[in-house]
Structure formats: C-alpha cells, structure tokens
C-alpha cells in the first residue's frame, strides 16, 4: 500500500497501549498527533529515536501535540521499554502490522544481504483536521524528532 502524503486523510486506527487502553486516531481530532512507526523496542536506532522524542516531549506537548510510537511489539515489551528509558509518550502495539500496512510502513527490507518483511521507519504529522500535515517516508532515527518538532512549529505558527 502506498504511504499517505501531505493533504491525505490520515488512515484511522485503534490500537492498544501497554496497559490495554485503546487509542483511536479519530479521538485526536482538534489536536496534533505525531504518528511514528519503528521496528522494535530497545534496539539501538529505535532507542535513539525514542529518547530524542522523550527529550522534546514537553516542547511538542506545548504545541498541543501528542506523540504515538507504533511497533509490532506487544504490551509487555512496550512497558519495559517505556520504564527503562523514561518515555513519557504513548507506545502502541500493532502486532499483526495491519496499521503499518495501511500506512505503507510495512515492507521489504534488507539486512546483511537477507531480505525480510518489517517496519519501514517512517512518521506522519497529523493535523487537527485529521489530514497529513507532514510525512517522512524513510527516516534516519538520529535527528528525526527535531525535524518533526520543526515541522510542527511551522504548522502551528501564526499566519
């Protein structure tokens, strides 16, 4: 499936967090939401990205935005990852990768010459109207949260 681009309606979803509470993107109407897909909890690149989002959490939240990280990991893994690194934002479990597929964030990858299916690190900034305000189809973990914050600042700046 192709990835949503700027101006598209963000595909709606409902996924559980580490406590089993279901979070629906539709419930975020009227507010900004950062939706980022990452391969796995507690791996080097994913930890770098999550900790940088953690460090910018207050600034992003100050712009009336929430951060939602999504991976195929289950609730126990998410709970341990959040606790280990003090992550103050929501991590959602997409164990069957159905939501990742709807966002085009599930696809063929290659590592050490081996092809496999997995999460393509990617992010979307969803506006209060439910539309994609910014999209990053292939993300380098280090420095990406700062790009998201810059896009959010630009999108929320007075006209």
Protein backbone atom coordinates (compact mmCIF):
# COMPACT_ATOMS: atom_id res chain seq x y z
CA UNK A 1 0.00 0.00 0.00
CA UNK A 2 1.21 3.49 -0.72
CA UNK A 3 2.08 5.84 2.10
CA UNK A 4 -0.28 8.72 2.89
CA UNK A 5 1.11 12.04 1.69
CA UNK A 6 0.55 15.65 2.71
CA UNK A 7 -3.10 16.59 2.37
CA UNK A 8 -4.39 13.00 2.50
CA UNK A 9 -6.75 11.87 5.23
CA UNK A 10 -4.64 10.01 7.77
CA UNK A 11 -5.81 6.39 7.95
CA UNK A 12 -7.75 5.94 11.16
CA UNK A 13 -6.81 3.17 13.57
CA UNK A 14 -7.43 1.86 17.06
CA UNK A 15 -4.50 0.19 18.85
CA UNK A 16 -3.77 -0.81 22.46
CA UNK A 17 -1.04 0.67 24.64
CA UNK A 18 0.97 -1.33 27.17
CA UNK A 19 -1.93 -1.24 29.65
CA UNK A 20 -4.52 -2.42 27.14
CA UNK A 21 -6.14 1.02 26.75
CA UNK A 22 -7.19 1.51 23.14
CA UNK A 23 -6.14 4.74 21.43
CA UNK A 24 -8.04 5.89 18.33
CA UNK A 25 -6.60 8.44 15.95
CA UNK A 26 -10.13 9.76 15.33
CA UNK A 27 -10.30 10.74 19.02
CA UNK A 28 -7.42 13.17 18.40
CA UNK A 29 -9.49 15.40 16.09
CA UNK A 30 -8.88 19.01 17.02
CA UNK A 31 -5.31 18.30 18.14
CA UNK A 32 -1.98 17.48 16.52
CA UNK A 33 -0.60 13.94 16.59
CA UNK A 34 2.84 12.62 15.70
CA UNK A 35 2.47 9.04 14.46
CA UNK A 36 5.79 7.28 14.12
CA UNK A 37 6.48 3.68 13.19
CA UNK A 38 9.61 1.99 14.49
CA UNK A 39 10.87 -1.60 14.13
CA UNK A 40 11.44 -2.81 17.70
CA UNK A 41 11.64 -1.75 21.32
CA UNK A 42 15.06 -1.45 22.97
CA UNK A 43 17.18 -1.70 19.81
CA UNK A 44 19.88 0.90 19.10
CA UNK A 45 18.17 3.03 16.41
CA UNK A 46 14.73 2.78 17.99
CA UNK A 47 16.12 3.75 21.39
CA UNK A 48 17.91 6.76 19.89
CA UNK A 49 14.71 7.95 18.20
CA UNK A 50 12.52 7.32 21.26
CA UNK A 51 14.91 9.10 23.63
CA UNK A 52 15.09 12.11 21.31
CA UNK A 53 11.27 12.23 21.21
CA UNK A 54 11.36 11.95 25.03
CA UNK A 55 13.72 14.90 25.26
CA UNK A 56 11.41 17.02 23.05
CA UNK A 57 8.19 15.74 24.62
CA UNK A 58 7.43 18.86 26.67
CA UNK A 59 8.07 21.18 23.73
CA UNK A 60 5.92 19.07 21.39
CA UNK A 61 3.20 18.79 24.02
CA UNK A 62 3.34 22.56 24.49
CA UNK A 63 2.15 22.84 20.88
CA UNK A 64 -0.93 20.72 21.73
CA UNK A 65 0.52 17.63 20.09
CA UNK A 66 0.82 14.04 21.27
CA UNK A 67 3.47 11.53 20.24
CA UNK A 68 2.35 7.99 19.38
CA UNK A 69 5.03 5.40 18.64
CA UNK A 70 3.85 2.23 16.91
CA UNK A 71 5.68 -1.08 16.54
CA UNK A 72 4.78 -4.76 16.25
CA UNK A 73 5.99 -5.36 19.82
CA UNK A 74 3.47 -6.39 22.46
CA UNK A 75 2.38 -4.63 25.63
CA UNK A 76 5.00 -6.23 27.89
CA UNK A 77 7.82 -5.11 25.64
CA UNK A 78 6.39 -1.59 25.42
CA UNK A 79 6.01 -1.35 29.21
CA UNK A 80 9.63 -2.40 29.75
CA UNK A 81 10.90 -0.02 27.04
CA UNK A 82 8.97 2.93 28.49
CA UNK A 83 10.18 2.18 32.02
CA UNK A 84 13.83 1.62 31.05
CA UNK A 85 14.14 4.92 29.20
CA UNK A 86 11.53 7.07 30.98
CA UNK A 87 9.43 7.51 27.84
CA UNK A 88 6.51 9.84 28.66
CA UNK A 89 4.56 9.27 25.44
CA UNK A 90 2.23 6.58 24.15
CA UNK A 91 3.55 3.36 22.59
CA UNK A 92 1.01 1.30 20.66
CA UNK A 93 1.09 -2.37 19.69
CA UNK A 94 0.43 -3.28 16.07
CA UNK A 95 1.29 -6.95 16.46
CA UNK A 96 -0.29 -8.06 13.18
CA UNK A 97 1.20 -4.95 11.45
CA UNK A 98 -2.21 -4.17 9.89
CA UNK A 99 -1.95 -0.45 10.71
CA UNK A 100 1.64 -0.31 9.45
CA UNK A 101 0.42 -1.86 6.20
CA UNK A 102 -2.31 0.79 5.86
CA UNK A 103 0.35 3.49 6.26
CA UNK A 104 2.76 1.79 3.86
CA UNK A 105 5.17 1.36 6.76
CA UNK A 106 5.41 -2.42 6.36
CA UNK A 107 7.54 -3.67 3.53
CA UNK A 108 10.56 -5.50 2.26
CA UNK A 109 13.84 -4.69 3.97
CA UNK A 110 17.36 -5.99 3.58
CA UNK A 111 19.95 -6.60 6.26
CA UNK A 112 23.32 -8.25 5.62
CA UNK A 113 22.07 -9.44 2.22
CA UNK A 114 18.96 -11.07 3.67
CA UNK A 115 15.52 -9.90 2.53
CA UNK A 116 12.66 -9.88 5.01
CA UNK A 117 9.42 -8.05 5.78
CA UNK A 118 9.40 -5.48 8.54
CA UNK A 119 8.62 -1.95 9.69
CA UNK A 120 9.94 0.83 7.49
CA UNK A 121 10.88 3.59 9.94
CA UNK A 122 8.53 6.43 8.95
CA UNK A 123 6.46 9.22 10.52
CA UNK A 124 3.45 11.42 9.94
CA UNK A 125 2.32 14.65 11.50
CA UNK A 126 -1.48 14.53 11.59
CA UNK A 127 -3.26 17.85 11.86
CA UNK A 128 -6.32 18.73 13.92
CA UNK A 129 -8.43 18.15 10.78
CA UNK A 130 -7.28 14.52 10.53
CA UNK A 131 -5.18 15.19 7.44
CA UNK A 132 -1.48 14.56 6.97
CA UNK A 133 0.37 17.85 7.53
CA UNK A 134 3.87 16.38 7.04
CA UNK A 135 5.22 12.97 6.08
CA UNK A 136 8.61 11.32 6.37
CA UNK A 137 8.55 8.07 4.38
CA UNK A 138 12.06 6.87 5.27
CA UNK A 139 13.56 8.11 8.49
CA UNK A 140 17.04 8.09 9.95
CA UNK A 141 16.49 7.70 13.68
CA UNK A 142 19.09 10.20 14.88
CA UNK A 143 17.83 13.76 14.49
CA UNK A 144 14.38 12.87 13.19
CA UNK A 145 12.44 14.06 16.27
CA UNK A 146 13.96 17.53 15.79
CA UNK A 147 12.66 17.50 12.18
CA UNK A 148 9.20 16.65 13.47
CA UNK A 149 9.33 19.47 16.03
CA UNK A 150 10.42 21.96 13.34
CA UNK A 151 7.51 20.90 11.09
CA UNK A 152 5.07 21.17 13.99
CA UNK A 153 6.34 24.64 14.86
CA UNK A 154 5.98 25.74 11.24
CA UNK A 155 2.47 24.27 11.01
CA UNK A 156 1.27 25.92 14.22
CA UNK A 157 2.94 29.30 13.70
CA UNK A 158 0.52 32.23 13.40
CA UNK A 159 -0.17 33.12 9.78
